[in-house]
Amino acid sequence: MPESIVLARIIATRPRASDPPPARRRGGPVMFVQSGGCCAGSTPMCFPVGEFLIGDIDVLLGDIDGCPFYIDKRLDQAWHQEQFLLDVARGEPEDFSLPAGENLHFVTRSPTCVSPDAPAENVLSPPE
């Protein structure tokens, strides 16, 4: 019987091989929560692992270098995406989220979340 290949539902961009991945830039394990609430909009919130209480409505999309990424089940159903990309953009994070670096915040990208006419503002790009 052939093995099944499971597509990772969350992936992350990398700036350079020598730089730490976005999920580990904070110096310790973190977790991401893509909520459907009013505070975060479409930006993921980044917390130290265990600081955000996960509930029955949260779905684990996967992890990035050991850092779990959750999404609100209703939001996941509404966006109906096979895969999301965790990226970094310029600007300060939302009030409750850890920053991705100095004047940087995490963003979630997908065909549903990004307008095709919007300029690319990502700071990190996947290697070519």
Protein backbone atom coordinates (compact mmCIF):
# COMPACT_ATOMS: atom_id res chain seq x y z
CA MET A 1 0.00 0.00 0.00
CA PRO A 2 1.51 3.42 -0.96
CA GLU A 3 2.15 5.94 1.79
CA SER A 4 -0.12 8.96 2.01
CA ILE A 5 1.45 12.38 1.71
CA VAL A 6 -0.11 14.98 3.97
CA LEU A 7 0.20 18.59 2.85
CA ALA A 8 1.37 20.86 5.66
CA ARG A 9 -1.42 23.36 6.20
CA ILE A 10 0.98 25.98 7.59
CA ILE A 11 4.40 26.84 6.22
CA ALA A 12 6.73 29.80 6.87
CA THR A 13 9.04 31.94 4.81
CA ARG A 14 12.76 32.03 5.55
CA PRO A 15 15.00 35.05 4.98
CA ARG A 16 18.38 33.28 4.72
CA ALA A 17 19.61 29.90 5.87
CA SER A 18 21.75 31.60 8.56
CA ASP A 19 18.76 33.43 10.12
CA PRO A 20 16.47 31.78 12.65
CA PRO A 21 13.00 30.88 11.40
CA PRO A 22 10.27 33.43 12.23
CA ALA A 23 8.75 31.20 14.89
CA ARG A 24 11.98 31.12 16.93
CA ARG A 25 13.00 34.78 16.70
CA ARG A 26 11.59 35.47 20.16
CA GLY A 27 14.24 33.34 21.90
CA GLY A 28 11.89 30.63 23.11
CA PRO A 29 9.01 28.49 22.01
CA VAL A 30 6.00 30.43 20.85
CA MET A 31 2.53 29.60 19.59
CA PHE A 32 0.41 31.29 16.95
CA VAL A 33 -3.35 31.82 17.04
CA GLN A 34 -5.30 32.99 14.01
CA SER A 35 -8.48 34.09 15.72
CA GLY A 36 -11.77 35.12 14.28
CA GLY A 37 -12.09 37.86 16.89
CA CYS A 38 -12.22 41.59 16.42
CA CYS A 39 -8.81 42.38 17.92
CA ALA A 40 -6.49 40.60 15.52
CA GLY A 41 -8.36 40.79 12.22
CA SER A 42 -6.43 38.63 9.79
CA THR A 43 -3.08 38.83 11.57
CA PRO A 44 -1.97 35.89 13.69
CA MET A 45 -1.27 36.53 17.33
CA CYS A 46 2.05 35.27 18.68
CA PHE A 47 2.34 34.25 22.35
CA PRO A 48 4.81 32.36 24.52
CA VAL A 49 3.75 28.68 24.46
CA GLY A 50 0.88 28.08 26.90
CA GLU A 51 -0.03 31.75 27.39
CA PHE A 52 -3.13 31.47 25.21
CA LEU A 53 -5.73 28.91 26.28
CA ILE A 54 -6.75 26.75 23.34
CA GLY A 55 -10.40 25.69 23.22
CA ASP A 56 -12.64 23.30 21.32
CA ILE A 57 -13.12 25.92 18.62
CA ASP A 58 -9.37 26.06 17.81
CA VAL A 59 -7.89 23.80 15.11
CA LEU A 60 -4.20 22.93 14.96
CA LEU A 61 -2.99 23.61 11.40
CA GLY A 62 0.46 22.27 12.18
CA ASP A 63 3.67 23.61 13.60
CA ILE A 64 6.57 25.66 12.41
CA ASP A 65 9.83 24.42 13.88
CA GLY A 66 7.97 23.05 16.89
CA CYS A 67 5.79 26.13 17.39
CA PRO A 68 2.08 25.26 17.04
CA PHE A 69 -0.22 27.31 14.80
CA TYR A 70 -3.94 27.29 15.63
CA ILE A 71 -6.86 28.80 13.74
CA ASP A 72 -10.43 29.43 14.82
CA LYS A 73 -12.50 26.58 13.37
CA ARG A 74 -15.15 28.93 11.95
CA LEU A 75 -12.51 31.10 10.30
CA ASP A 76 -10.82 28.02 8.84
CA GLN A 77 -14.14 26.86 7.41
CA ALA A 78 -14.94 30.32 6.01
CA TRP A 79 -11.51 30.76 4.37
CA HIS A 80 -11.47 27.13 3.18
CA GLN A 81 -7.75 27.11 2.35
CA GLU A 82 -5.59 24.04 1.90
CA GLN A 83 -2.48 25.90 3.04
CA PHE A 84 -1.46 29.12 4.78
CA LEU A 85 1.89 30.93 4.77
CA LEU A 86 3.27 32.57 7.92
CA ASP A 87 5.25 35.61 6.87
CA VAL A 88 6.61 38.81 8.38
CA ALA A 89 5.78 42.39 7.40
CA ARG A 90 6.92 45.83 8.47
CA GLY A 91 5.06 47.56 11.28
CA GLU A 92 4.25 46.96 14.91
CA PRO A 93 2.15 43.94 15.92
CA GLU A 94 -1.37 44.05 17.33
CA ASP A 95 -1.59 44.98 21.03
CA PHE A 96 -1.42 41.46 22.48
CA SER A 97 0.97 39.78 20.04
CA LEU A 98 4.71 39.40 20.39
CA PRO A 99 6.60 41.18 17.61
CA ALA A 100 8.48 39.26 14.92
CA GLY A 101 11.44 41.60 15.38
CA GLU A 102 12.05 45.32 15.60
CA ASN A 103 9.16 47.05 13.80
CA LEU A 104 7.99 43.69 12.39
CA HIS A 105 4.82 41.68 12.84
CA PHE A 106 3.65 38.26 11.72
CA VAL A 107 1.08 37.97 8.93
CA THR A 108 -0.83 35.05 7.47
CA ARG A 109 -0.99 34.87 3.72
CA SER A 110 -3.28 32.85 1.50
CA PRO A 111 -5.23 33.50 -1.69
CA THR A 112 -8.25 34.47 0.46
CA CYS A 113 -6.31 36.83 2.75
CA VAL A 114 -4.38 38.76 0.08
CA SER A 115 -5.87 40.95 -2.61
CA PRO A 116 -4.22 40.30 -6.00
CA ASP A 117 -3.92 44.09 -6.45
CA ALA A 118 -2.19 44.63 -3.09
CA PRO A 119 1.54 45.34 -3.23
CA ALA A 120 3.74 42.65 -1.72
CA GLU A 121 5.02 43.94 1.62
CA ASN A 122 6.66 40.81 2.91
CA VAL A 123 10.06 41.19 4.48
CA LEU A 124 10.95 37.53 4.28
CA SER A 125 10.87 35.57 1.07
CA PRO A 126 11.14 31.85 0.45
CA PRO A 127 14.54 30.85 -0.95
CA GLU A 128 14.69 30.55 -4.74
